Amino acid sequence: MGVRLPGAILAKQILRRSVLTANNTSSASPEVPKGFLAVYVGQTERKRFIVPVSYLNQPSFQALLRKAEEEFGFDHPMGGLTIPCREDIFIDVTSQLNRS
């Protein structure tokens, strides 16, 4: 039985582990601008998205992070934060966050 962390702490822990992992991968991937985060989205074929770090504080994005934690723990196979949901769902969530 695991202990649930509050959303902001969970998001920071995932981000920290993702950044550490990304620093250890090859430099072939394009740079991510300051204040943004690269995430990989998809259930079988993963697509890379660049999102603002401010999304980490949003409840709907935190729900996606919890799903990633349940699926992968903190060991993400893509070398970065991988969110195991359909691309259209991710786009819907992030579109709503862009409007608010």
PDB file of N, CA and C in Angstrom:
ATOM      1  N   MET A   1       0.848  -1.175   0.000  1.00  0.00           N
ATOM      2  CA  MET A   1       0.000   0.000   0.000  1.00  0.00           C
ATOM      3  C   MET A   1       0.891   1.234   0.000  1.00  0.00           C
ATOM      4  N   GLY A   2       0.674   2.120  -0.951  1.00  0.00           N
ATOM      5  CA  GLY A   2       1.495   3.312  -1.070  1.00  0.00           C
ATOM      6  C   GLY A   2       0.843   4.522  -0.443  1.00  0.00           C
ATOM      7  N   VAL A   3       1.653   5.501  -0.178  1.00  0.00           N
ATOM      8  CA  VAL A   3       1.182   6.759   0.379  1.00  0.00           C
ATOM      9  C   VAL A   3       0.923   7.713  -0.775  1.00  0.00           C
ATOM     10  N   ARG A   4      -0.220   8.351  -0.783  1.00  0.00           N
ATOM     11  CA  ARG A   4      -0.563   9.316  -1.828  1.00  0.00           C
ATOM     12  C   ARG A   4       0.015  10.670  -1.478  1.00  0.00           C
ATOM     13  N   LEU A   5       0.738  11.259  -2.411  1.00  0.00           N
ATOM     14  CA  LEU A   5       1.291  12.587  -2.213  1.00  0.00           C
ATOM     15  C   LEU A   5       0.298  13.630  -2.705  1.00  0.00           C
ATOM     16  N   PRO A   6       0.263  14.787  -2.096  1.00  0.00           N
ATOM     17  CA  PRO A   6      -0.569  15.857  -2.627  1.00  0.00           C
ATOM     18  C   PRO A   6      -0.145  16.154  -4.065  1.00  0.00           C
ATOM     19  N   GLY A   7      -1.067  16.644  -4.869  1.00  0.00           N
ATOM     20  CA  GLY A   7      -0.840  16.849  -6.300  1.00  0.00           C
ATOM     21  C   GLY A   7       0.413  17.612  -6.655  1.00  0.00           C
ATOM     22  N   ALA A   8       0.672  18.728  -5.995  1.00  0.00           N
ATOM     23  CA  ALA A   8       1.834  19.549  -6.349  1.00  0.00           C
ATOM     24  C   ALA A   8       3.129  18.816  -6.046  1.00  0.00           C
ATOM     25  N   ILE A   9       3.183  18.100  -4.943  1.00  0.00           N
ATOM     26  CA  ILE A   9       4.394  17.356  -4.595  1.00  0.00           C
ATOM     27  C   ILE A   9       4.602  16.224  -5.585  1.00  0.00           C
ATOM     28  N   LEU A  10       3.532  15.521  -5.938  1.00  0.00           N
ATOM     29  CA  LEU A  10       3.615  14.450  -6.925  1.00  0.00           C
ATOM     30  C   LEU A  10       4.120  14.994  -8.255  1.00  0.00           C
ATOM     31  N   ALA A  11       3.576  16.112  -8.695  1.00  0.00           N
ATOM     32  CA  ALA A  11       3.981  16.707  -9.964  1.00  0.00           C
ATOM     33  C   ALA A  11       5.458  17.090  -9.936  1.00  0.00           C
ATOM     34  N   LYS A  12       5.915  17.665  -8.841  1.00  0.00           N
ATOM     35  CA  LYS A  12       7.325  18.052  -8.736  1.00  0.00           C
ATOM     36  C   LYS A  12       8.229  16.829  -8.755  1.00  0.00           C
ATOM     37  N   GLN A  13       7.806  15.751  -8.093  1.00  0.00           N
ATOM     38  CA  GLN A  13       8.621  14.545  -8.062  1.00  0.00           C
ATOM     39  C   GLN A  13       8.705  13.929  -9.459  1.00  0.00           C
ATOM     40  N   ILE A  14       7.593  13.870 -10.168  1.00  0.00           N
ATOM     41  CA  ILE A  14       7.605  13.338 -11.530  1.00  0.00           C
ATOM     42  C   ILE A  14       8.461  14.210 -12.426  1.00  0.00           C
ATOM     43  N   LEU A  15       8.308  15.515 -12.308  1.00  0.00           N
ATOM     44  CA  LEU A  15       9.090  16.435 -13.124  1.00  0.00           C
ATOM     45  C   LEU A  15      10.574  16.269 -12.833  1.00  0.00           C
ATOM     46  N   ARG A  16      10.951  16.204 -11.576  1.00  0.00           N
ATOM     47  CA  ARG A  16      12.362  16.072 -11.208  1.00  0.00           C
ATOM     48  C   ARG A  16      12.940  14.791 -11.795  1.00  0.00           C
ATOM     49  N   ARG A  17      12.235  13.680 -11.670  1.00  0.00           N
ATOM     50  CA  ARG A  17      12.725  12.401 -12.207  1.00  0.00           C
ATOM     51  C   ARG A  17      12.792  12.443 -13.725  1.00  0.00           C
ATOM     52  N   SER A  18      11.817  13.099 -14.371  1.00  0.00           N
ATOM     53  CA  SER A  18      11.814  13.201 -15.820  1.00  0.00           C
ATOM     54  C   SER A  18      12.986  14.023 -16.315  1.00  0.00           C
ATOM     55  N   VAL A  19      13.286  15.114 -15.621  1.00  0.00           N
ATOM     56  CA  VAL A  19      14.405  15.969 -16.008  1.00  0.00           C
ATOM     57  C   VAL A  19      15.716  15.217 -15.832  1.00  0.00           C
ATOM     58  N   LEU A  20      15.862  14.499 -14.721  1.00  0.00           N
ATOM     59  CA  LEU A  20      17.083  13.727 -14.499  1.00  0.00           C
ATOM     60  C   LEU A  20      17.252  12.667 -15.575  1.00  0.00           C
ATOM     61  N   THR A  21      16.179  11.980 -15.926  1.00  0.00           N
ATOM     62  CA  THR A  21      16.245  10.959 -16.960  1.00  0.00           C
ATOM     63  C   THR A  21      16.540  11.579 -18.310  1.00  0.00           C
ATOM     64  N   ALA A  22      15.893  12.706 -18.616  1.00  0.00           N
ATOM     65  CA  ALA A  22      16.106  13.367 -19.902  1.00  0.00           C
ATOM     66  C   ALA A  22      17.538  13.853 -20.042  1.00  0.00           C
ATOM     67  N   ASN A  23      18.159  14.277 -18.946  1.00  0.00           N
ATOM     68  CA  ASN A  23      19.552  14.725 -18.996  1.00  0.00           C
ATOM     69  C   ASN A  23      20.503  13.580 -19.310  1.00  0.00           C
ATOM     70  N   ASN A  24      20.085  12.350 -19.029  1.00  0.00           N
ATOM     71  CA  ASN A  24      20.932  11.191 -19.275  1.00  0.00           C
ATOM     72  C   ASN A  24      20.718  10.576 -20.657  1.00  0.00           C
ATOM     73  N   THR A  25      19.767  11.062 -21.427  1.00  0.00           N
ATOM     74  CA  THR A  25      19.508  10.515 -22.760  1.00  0.00           C
ATOM     75  C   THR A  25      20.325  11.276 -23.783  1.00  0.00           C
ATOM     76  N   SER A  26      20.274  10.815 -25.011  1.00  0.00           N
ATOM     77  CA  SER A  26      21.063  11.457 -26.059  1.00  0.00           C
ATOM     78  C   SER A  26      20.568  12.867 -26.315  1.00  0.00           C
ATOM     79  N   SER A  27      21.430  13.691 -26.867  1.00  0.00           N
ATOM     80  CA  SER A  27      21.066  15.082 -27.136  1.00  0.00           C
ATOM     81  C   SER A  27      20.402  15.237 -28.494  1.00  0.00           C
ATOM     82  N   ALA A  28      19.916  14.136 -29.077  1.00  0.00           N
ATOM     83  CA  ALA A  28      19.293  14.188 -30.394  1.00  0.00           C
ATOM     84  C   ALA A  28      17.928  14.874 -30.358  1.00  0.00           C
ATOM     85  N   SER A  29      17.243  14.847 -29.209  1.00  0.00           N
ATOM     86  CA  SER A  29      15.925  15.459 -29.142  1.00  0.00           C
ATOM     87  C   SER A  29      16.070  16.975 -29.034  1.00  0.00           C
ATOM     88  N   PRO A  30      15.155  17.704 -29.675  1.00  0.00           N
ATOM     89  CA  PRO A  30      15.217  19.171 -29.640  1.00  0.00           C
ATOM     90  C   PRO A  30      15.081  19.711 -28.219  1.00  0.00           C
ATOM     91  N   GLU A  31      15.664  20.866 -27.994  1.00  0.00           N
ATOM     92  CA  GLU A  31      15.600  21.508 -26.693  1.00  0.00           C
ATOM     93  C   GLU A  31      14.173  21.895 -26.333  1.00  0.00           C
ATOM     94  N   VAL A  32      13.890  21.870 -25.058  1.00  0.00           N
ATOM     95  CA  VAL A  32      12.600  22.307 -24.540  1.00  0.00           C
ATOM     96  C   VAL A  32      12.814  23.689 -23.947  1.00  0.00           C
ATOM     97  N   PRO A  33      12.006  24.686 -24.351  1.00  0.00           N
ATOM     98  CA  PRO A  33      12.183  26.045 -23.824  1.00  0.00           C
ATOM     99  C   PRO A  33      11.993  26.097 -22.316  1.00  0.00           C
ATOM    100  N   LYS A  34      12.653  27.045 -21.691  1.00  0.00           N
ATOM    101  CA  LYS A  34      12.511  27.234 -20.249  1.00  0.00           C
ATOM    102  C   LYS A  34      11.045  27.508 -19.927  1.00  0.00           C
ATOM    103  N   GLY A  35      10.560  26.876 -18.871  1.00  0.00           N
ATOM    104  CA  GLY A  35       9.169  27.044 -18.471  1.00  0.00           C
ATOM    105  C   GLY A  35       8.228  26.045 -19.125  1.00  0.00           C
ATOM    106  N   PHE A  36       8.795  25.105 -19.879  1.00  0.00           N
ATOM    107  CA  PHE A  36       7.997  24.084 -20.557  1.00  0.00           C
ATOM    108  C   PHE A  36       8.530  22.702 -20.221  1.00  0.00           C
ATOM    109  N   LEU A  37       7.756  21.697 -20.558  1.00  0.00           N
ATOM    110  CA  LEU A  37       8.063  20.321 -20.243  1.00  0.00           C
ATOM    111  C   LEU A  37       7.686  19.453 -21.439  1.00  0.00           C
ATOM    112  N   ALA A  38       8.541  18.517 -21.790  1.00  0.00           N
ATOM    113  CA  ALA A  38       8.220  17.565 -22.859  1.00  0.00           C
ATOM    114  C   ALA A  38       7.523  16.361 -22.239  1.00  0.00           C
ATOM    115  N   VAL A  39       6.407  15.965 -22.822  1.00  0.00           N
ATOM    116  CA  VAL A  39       5.709  14.756 -22.391  1.00  0.00           C
ATOM    117  C   VAL A  39       5.436  13.905 -23.621  1.00  0.00           C
ATOM    118  N   TYR A  40       5.373  12.607 -23.404  1.00  0.00           N
ATOM    119  CA  TYR A  40       5.044  11.665 -24.470  1.00  0.00           C
ATOM    120  C   TYR A  40       3.663  11.121 -24.174  1.00  0.00           C
ATOM    121  N   VAL A  41       2.800  11.140 -25.189  1.00  0.00           N
ATOM    122  CA  VAL A  41       1.395  10.780 -24.994  1.00  0.00           C
ATOM    123  C   VAL A  41       1.015   9.691 -25.985  1.00  0.00           C
ATOM    124  N   GLY A  42       0.260   8.726 -25.500  1.00  0.00           N
ATOM    125  CA  GLY A  42      -0.258   7.679 -26.362  1.00  0.00           C
ATOM    126  C   GLY A  42      -0.245   6.345 -25.655  1.00  0.00           C
ATOM    127  N   GLN A  43      -1.059   5.433 -26.153  1.00  0.00           N
ATOM    128  CA  GLN A  43      -1.127   4.115 -25.531  1.00  0.00           C
ATOM    129  C   GLN A  43      -0.211   3.124 -26.242  1.00  0.00           C
ATOM    130  N   THR A  44      -0.079   3.219 -27.545  1.00  0.00           N
ATOM    131  CA  THR A  44       0.838   2.332 -28.269  1.00  0.00           C
ATOM    132  C   THR A  44       1.927   3.150 -28.961  1.00  0.00           C
ATOM    133  N   GLU A  45       1.518   4.079 -29.775  1.00  0.00           N
ATOM    134  CA  GLU A  45       2.465   4.958 -30.455  1.00  0.00           C
ATOM    135  C   GLU A  45       2.519   6.275 -29.693  1.00  0.00           C
ATOM    136  N   ARG A  46       3.679   6.662 -29.228  1.00  0.00           N
ATOM    137  CA  ARG A  46       3.825   7.854 -28.398  1.00  0.00           C
ATOM    138  C   ARG A  46       4.187   9.072 -29.244  1.00  0.00           C
ATOM    139  N   LYS A  47       3.525  10.189 -28.942  1.00  0.00           N
ATOM    140  CA  LYS A  47       3.801  11.450 -29.620  1.00  0.00           C
ATOM    141  C   LYS A  47       4.296  12.453 -28.583  1.00  0.00           C
ATOM    142  N   ARG A  48       5.290  13.246 -28.955  1.00  0.00           N
ATOM    143  CA  ARG A  48       5.898  14.213 -28.036  1.00  0.00           C
ATOM    144  C   ARG A  48       5.134  15.535 -28.083  1.00  0.00           C
ATOM    145  N   PHE A  49       4.804  16.066 -26.899  1.00  0.00           N
ATOM    146  CA  PHE A  49       4.162  17.368 -26.761  1.00  0.00           C
ATOM    147  C   PHE A  49       4.999  18.222 -25.828  1.00  0.00           C
ATOM    148  N   ILE A  50       5.008  19.525 -26.062  1.00  0.00           N
ATOM    149  CA  ILE A  50       5.667  20.481 -25.183  1.00  0.00           C
ATOM    150  C   ILE A  50       4.565  21.267 -24.485  1.00  0.00           C
ATOM    151  N   VAL A  51       4.536  21.204 -23.149  1.00  0.00           N
ATOM    152  CA  VAL A  51       3.477  21.866 -22.386  1.00  0.00           C
ATOM    153  C   VAL A  51       4.100  22.792 -21.352  1.00  0.00           C
ATOM    154  N   PRO A  52       3.397  23.853 -20.971  1.00  0.00           N
ATOM    155  CA  PRO A  52       3.908  24.749 -19.921  1.00  0.00           C
ATOM    156  C   PRO A  52       3.953  24.035 -18.571  1.00  0.00           C
ATOM    157  N   VAL A  53       4.961  24.320 -17.766  1.00  0.00           N
ATOM    158  CA  VAL A  53       5.052  23.699 -16.435  1.00  0.00           C
ATOM    159  C   VAL A  53       3.898  24.143 -15.543  1.00  0.00           C
ATOM    160  N   SER A  54       3.248  25.238 -15.875  1.00  0.00           N
ATOM    161  CA  SER A  54       2.093  25.693 -15.081  1.00  0.00           C
ATOM    162  C   SER A  54       0.965  24.654 -15.094  1.00  0.00           C
ATOM    163  N   TYR A  55       0.939  23.776 -16.092  1.00  0.00           N
ATOM    164  CA  TYR A  55      -0.073  22.715 -16.132  1.00  0.00           C
ATOM    165  C   TYR A  55       0.066  21.772 -14.940  1.00  0.00           C
ATOM    166  N   LEU A  56       1.255  21.672 -14.372  1.00  0.00           N
ATOM    167  CA  LEU A  56       1.482  20.746 -13.263  1.00  0.00           C
ATOM    168  C   LEU A  56       0.628  21.068 -12.041  1.00  0.00           C
ATOM    169  N   ASN A  57       0.153  22.300 -11.953  1.00  0.00           N
ATOM    170  CA  ASN A  57      -0.686  22.705 -10.819  1.00  0.00           C
ATOM    171  C   ASN A  57      -2.174  22.489 -11.078  1.00  0.00           C
ATOM    172  N   GLN A  58      -2.550  22.114 -12.281  1.00  0.00           N
ATOM    173  CA  GLN A  58      -3.958  21.982 -12.652  1.00  0.00           C
ATOM    174  C   GLN A  58      -4.486  20.587 -12.319  1.00  0.00           C
ATOM    175  N   PRO A  59      -5.642  20.497 -11.644  1.00  0.00           N
ATOM    176  CA  PRO A  59      -6.201  19.202 -11.252  1.00  0.00           C
ATOM    177  C   PRO A  59      -6.391  18.227 -12.423  1.00  0.00           C
ATOM    178  N   SER A  60      -6.837  18.716 -13.571  1.00  0.00           N
ATOM    179  CA  SER A  60      -7.062  17.803 -14.701  1.00  0.00           C
ATOM    180  C   SER A  60      -5.746  17.233 -15.222  1.00  0.00           C
ATOM    181  N   PHE A  61      -4.679  18.026 -15.207  1.00  0.00           N
ATOM    182  CA  PHE A  61      -3.375  17.531 -15.645  1.00  0.00           C
ATOM    183  C   PHE A  61      -2.793  16.596 -14.583  1.00  0.00           C
ATOM    184  N   GLN A  62      -3.040  16.896 -13.312  1.00  0.00           N
ATOM    185  CA  GLN A  62      -2.572  16.031 -12.239  1.00  0.00           C
ATOM    186  C   GLN A  62      -3.222  14.650 -12.323  1.00  0.00           C
ATOM    187  N   ALA A  63      -4.462  14.594 -12.803  1.00  0.00           N
ATOM    188  CA  ALA A  63      -5.123  13.294 -12.988  1.00  0.00           C
ATOM    189  C   ALA A  63      -4.364  12.476 -14.034  1.00  0.00           C
ATOM    190  N   LEU A  64      -3.892  13.142 -15.083  1.00  0.00           N
ATOM    191  CA  LEU A  64      -3.084  12.442 -16.095  1.00  0.00           C
ATOM    192  C   LEU A  64      -1.757  11.973 -15.496  1.00  0.00           C
ATOM    193  N   LEU A  65      -1.172  12.791 -14.620  1.00  0.00           N
ATOM    194  CA  LEU A  65       0.084  12.413 -13.968  1.00  0.00           C
ATOM    195  C   LEU A  65      -0.106  11.202 -13.058  1.00  0.00           C
ATOM    196  N   ARG A  66      -1.236  11.152 -12.367  1.00  0.00           N
ATOM    197  CA  ARG A  66      -1.519   9.994 -11.515  1.00  0.00           C
ATOM    198  C   ARG A  66      -1.660   8.733 -12.358  1.00  0.00           C
ATOM    199  N   LYS A  67      -2.281   8.879 -13.523  1.00  0.00           N
ATOM    200  CA  LYS A  67      -2.416   7.732 -14.434  1.00  0.00           C
ATOM    201  C   LYS A  67      -1.031   7.255 -14.877  1.00  0.00           C
ATOM    202  N   ALA A  68      -0.139   8.210 -15.159  1.00  0.00           N
ATOM    203  CA  ALA A  68       1.230   7.857 -15.544  1.00  0.00           C
ATOM    204  C   ALA A  68       1.950   7.167 -14.392  1.00  0.00           C
ATOM    205  N   GLU A  69       1.738   7.655 -13.173  1.00  0.00           N
ATOM    206  CA  GLU A  69       2.368   7.039 -12.001  1.00  0.00           C
ATOM    207  C   GLU A  69       1.884   5.606 -11.809  1.00  0.00           C
ATOM    208  N   GLU A  70       0.577   5.393 -11.978  1.00  0.00           N
ATOM    209  CA  GLU A  70       0.014   4.051 -11.814  1.00  0.00           C
ATOM    210  C   GLU A  70       0.565   3.093 -12.867  1.00  0.00           C
ATOM    211  N   GLU A  71       0.730   3.580 -14.075  1.00  0.00           N
ATOM    212  CA  GLU A  71       1.190   2.734 -15.189  1.00  0.00           C
ATOM    213  C   GLU A  71       2.690   2.458 -15.126  1.00  0.00           C
ATOM    214  N   PHE A  72       3.488   3.499 -14.880  1.00  0.00           N
ATOM    215  CA  PHE A  72       4.935   3.376 -15.003  1.00  0.00           C
ATOM    216  C   PHE A  72       5.697   3.591 -13.705  1.00  0.00           C
ATOM    217  N   GLY A  73       5.062   4.086 -12.662  1.00  0.00           N
ATOM    218  CA  GLY A  73       5.805   4.507 -11.481  1.00  0.00           C
ATOM    219  C   GLY A  73       6.628   5.724 -11.875  1.00  0.00           C
ATOM    220  N   PHE A  74       7.873   5.755 -11.471  1.00  0.00           N
ATOM    221  CA  PHE A  74       8.727   6.876 -11.861  1.00  0.00           C
ATOM    222  C   PHE A  74       9.793   6.435 -12.857  1.00  0.00           C
ATOM    223  N   ASP A  75       9.611   5.280 -13.468  1.00  0.00           N
ATOM    224  CA  ASP A  75      10.542   4.750 -14.456  1.00  0.00           C
ATOM    225  C   ASP A  75       9.859   4.812 -15.822  1.00  0.00           C
ATOM    226  N   HIS A  76       9.998   5.946 -16.504  1.00  0.00           N
ATOM    227  CA  HIS A  76       9.308   6.146 -17.768  1.00  0.00           C
ATOM    228  C   HIS A  76      10.129   5.595 -18.924  1.00  0.00           C
ATOM    229  N   PRO A  77       9.536   4.738 -19.768  1.00  0.00           N
ATOM    230  CA  PRO A  77      10.276   4.062 -20.822  1.00  0.00           C
ATOM    231  C   PRO A  77      10.806   4.981 -21.927  1.00  0.00           C
ATOM    232  N   MET A  78      10.246   6.161 -22.083  1.00  0.00           N
ATOM    233  CA  MET A  78      10.666   7.047 -23.159  1.00  0.00           C
ATOM    234  C   MET A  78      11.807   7.977 -22.729  1.00  0.00           C
ATOM    235  N   GLY A  79      12.269   7.866 -21.501  1.00  0.00           N
ATOM    236  CA  GLY A  79      13.314   8.754 -21.030  1.00  0.00           C
ATOM    237  C   GLY A  79      12.772  10.107 -20.606  1.00  0.00           C
ATOM    238  N   GLY A  80      11.486  10.236 -20.544  1.00  0.00           N
ATOM    239  CA  GLY A  80      10.823  11.459 -20.119  1.00  0.00           C
ATOM    240  C   GLY A  80       9.471  11.096 -19.564  1.00  0.00           C
ATOM    241  N   LEU A  81       8.679  12.072 -19.303  1.00  0.00           N
ATOM    242  CA  LEU A  81       7.361  11.839 -18.743  1.00  0.00           C
ATOM    243  C   LEU A  81       6.441  11.263 -19.820  1.00  0.00           C
ATOM    244  N   THR A  82       5.933  10.063 -19.576  1.00  0.00           N
ATOM    245  CA  THR A  82       5.043   9.387 -20.512  1.00  0.00           C
ATOM    246  C   THR A  82       3.657   9.311 -19.901  1.00  0.00           C
ATOM    247  N   ILE A  83       2.666   9.808 -20.632  1.00  0.00           N
ATOM    248  CA  ILE A  83       1.287   9.792 -20.156  1.00  0.00           C
ATOM    249  C   ILE A  83       0.511   8.777 -20.995  1.00  0.00           C
ATOM    250  N   PRO A  84       0.049   7.691 -20.366  1.00  0.00           N
ATOM    251  CA  PRO A  84      -0.600   6.619 -21.115  1.00  0.00           C
ATOM    252  C   PRO A  84      -2.090   6.864 -21.335  1.00  0.00           C
ATOM    253  N   CYS A  85      -2.399   7.823 -22.183  1.00  0.00           N
ATOM    254  CA  CYS A  85      -3.802   8.061 -22.530  1.00  0.00           C
ATOM    255  C   CYS A  85      -3.875   8.321 -24.031  1.00  0.00           C
ATOM    256  N   ARG A  86      -5.074   8.291 -24.550  1.00  0.00           N
ATOM    257  CA  ARG A  86      -5.237   8.570 -25.981  1.00  0.00           C
ATOM    258  C   ARG A  86      -4.870  10.019 -26.255  1.00  0.00           C
ATOM    259  N   GLU A  87      -4.311  10.234 -27.429  1.00  0.00           N
ATOM    260  CA  GLU A  87      -3.864  11.568 -27.821  1.00  0.00           C
ATOM    261  C   GLU A  87      -5.014  12.570 -27.824  1.00  0.00           C
ATOM    262  N   ASP A  88      -6.194  12.160 -28.293  1.00  0.00           N
ATOM    263  CA  ASP A  88      -7.329  13.082 -28.352  1.00  0.00           C
ATOM    264  C   ASP A  88      -7.777  13.521 -26.953  1.00  0.00           C
ATOM    265  N   ILE A  89      -7.689  12.629 -25.973  1.00  0.00           N
ATOM    266  CA  ILE A  89      -8.045  12.995 -24.595  1.00  0.00           C
ATOM    267  C   ILE A  89      -7.043  14.017 -24.060  1.00  0.00           C
ATOM    268  N   PHE A  90      -5.753  13.776 -24.311  1.00  0.00           N
ATOM    269  CA  PHE A  90      -4.713  14.712 -23.865  1.00  0.00           C
ATOM    270  C   PHE A  90      -4.931  16.085 -24.495  1.00  0.00           C
ATOM    271  N   ILE A  91      -5.239  16.118 -25.770  1.00  0.00           N
ATOM    272  CA  ILE A  91      -5.474  17.390 -26.462  1.00  0.00           C
ATOM    273  C   ILE A  91      -6.693  18.093 -25.891  1.00  0.00           C
ATOM    274  N   ASP A  92      -7.752  17.357 -25.580  1.00  0.00           N
ATOM    275  CA  ASP A  92      -8.935  17.957 -24.962  1.00  0.00           C
ATOM    276  C   ASP A  92      -8.592  18.587 -23.607  1.00  0.00           C
ATOM    277  N   VAL A  93      -7.845  17.857 -22.780  1.00  0.00           N
ATOM    278  CA  VAL A  93      -7.476  18.375 -21.450  1.00  0.00           C
ATOM    279  C   VAL A  93      -6.627  19.625 -21.587  1.00  0.00           C
ATOM    280  N   THR A  94      -5.609  19.583 -22.423  1.00  0.00           N
ATOM    281  CA  THR A  94      -4.722  20.734 -22.560  1.00  0.00           C
ATOM    282  C   THR A  94      -5.425  21.911 -23.242  1.00  0.00           C
ATOM    283  N   SER A  95      -6.367  21.650 -24.124  1.00  0.00           N
ATOM    284  CA  SER A  95      -7.126  22.732 -24.746  1.00  0.00           C
ATOM    285  C   SER A  95      -7.968  23.465 -23.706  1.00  0.00           C
ATOM    286  N   GLN A  96      -8.570  22.708 -22.794  1.00  0.00           N
ATOM    287  CA  GLN A  96      -9.342  23.326 -21.719  1.00  0.00           C
ATOM    288  C   GLN A  96      -8.452  24.159 -20.809  1.00  0.00           C
ATOM    289  N   LEU A  97      -7.242  23.674 -20.572  1.00  0.00           N
ATOM    290  CA  LEU A  97      -6.307  24.434 -19.734  1.00  0.00           C
ATOM    291  C   LEU A  97      -5.853  25.713 -20.429  1.00  0.00           C
ATOM    292  N   ASN A  98      -5.719  25.674 -21.740  1.00  0.00           N
ATOM    293  CA  ASN A  98      -5.329  26.868 -22.506  1.00  0.00           C
ATOM    294  C   ASN A  98      -6.404  27.943 -22.427  1.00  0.00           C
ATOM    295  N   ARG A  99      -7.668  27.532 -22.343  1.00  0.00           N
ATOM    296  CA  ARG A  99      -8.783  28.494 -22.305  1.00  0.00           C
ATOM    297  C   ARG A  99      -8.938  29.165 -20.951  1.00  0.00           C
ATOM    298  N   SER A 100      -8.445  28.488 -19.906  1.00  0.00           N
ATOM    299  CA  SER A 100      -8.653  29.054 -18.556  1.00  0.00           C
ATOM    300  C   SER A 100      -7.541  29.957 -18.125  1.00  0.00           C
TER     301      SER A 100
END
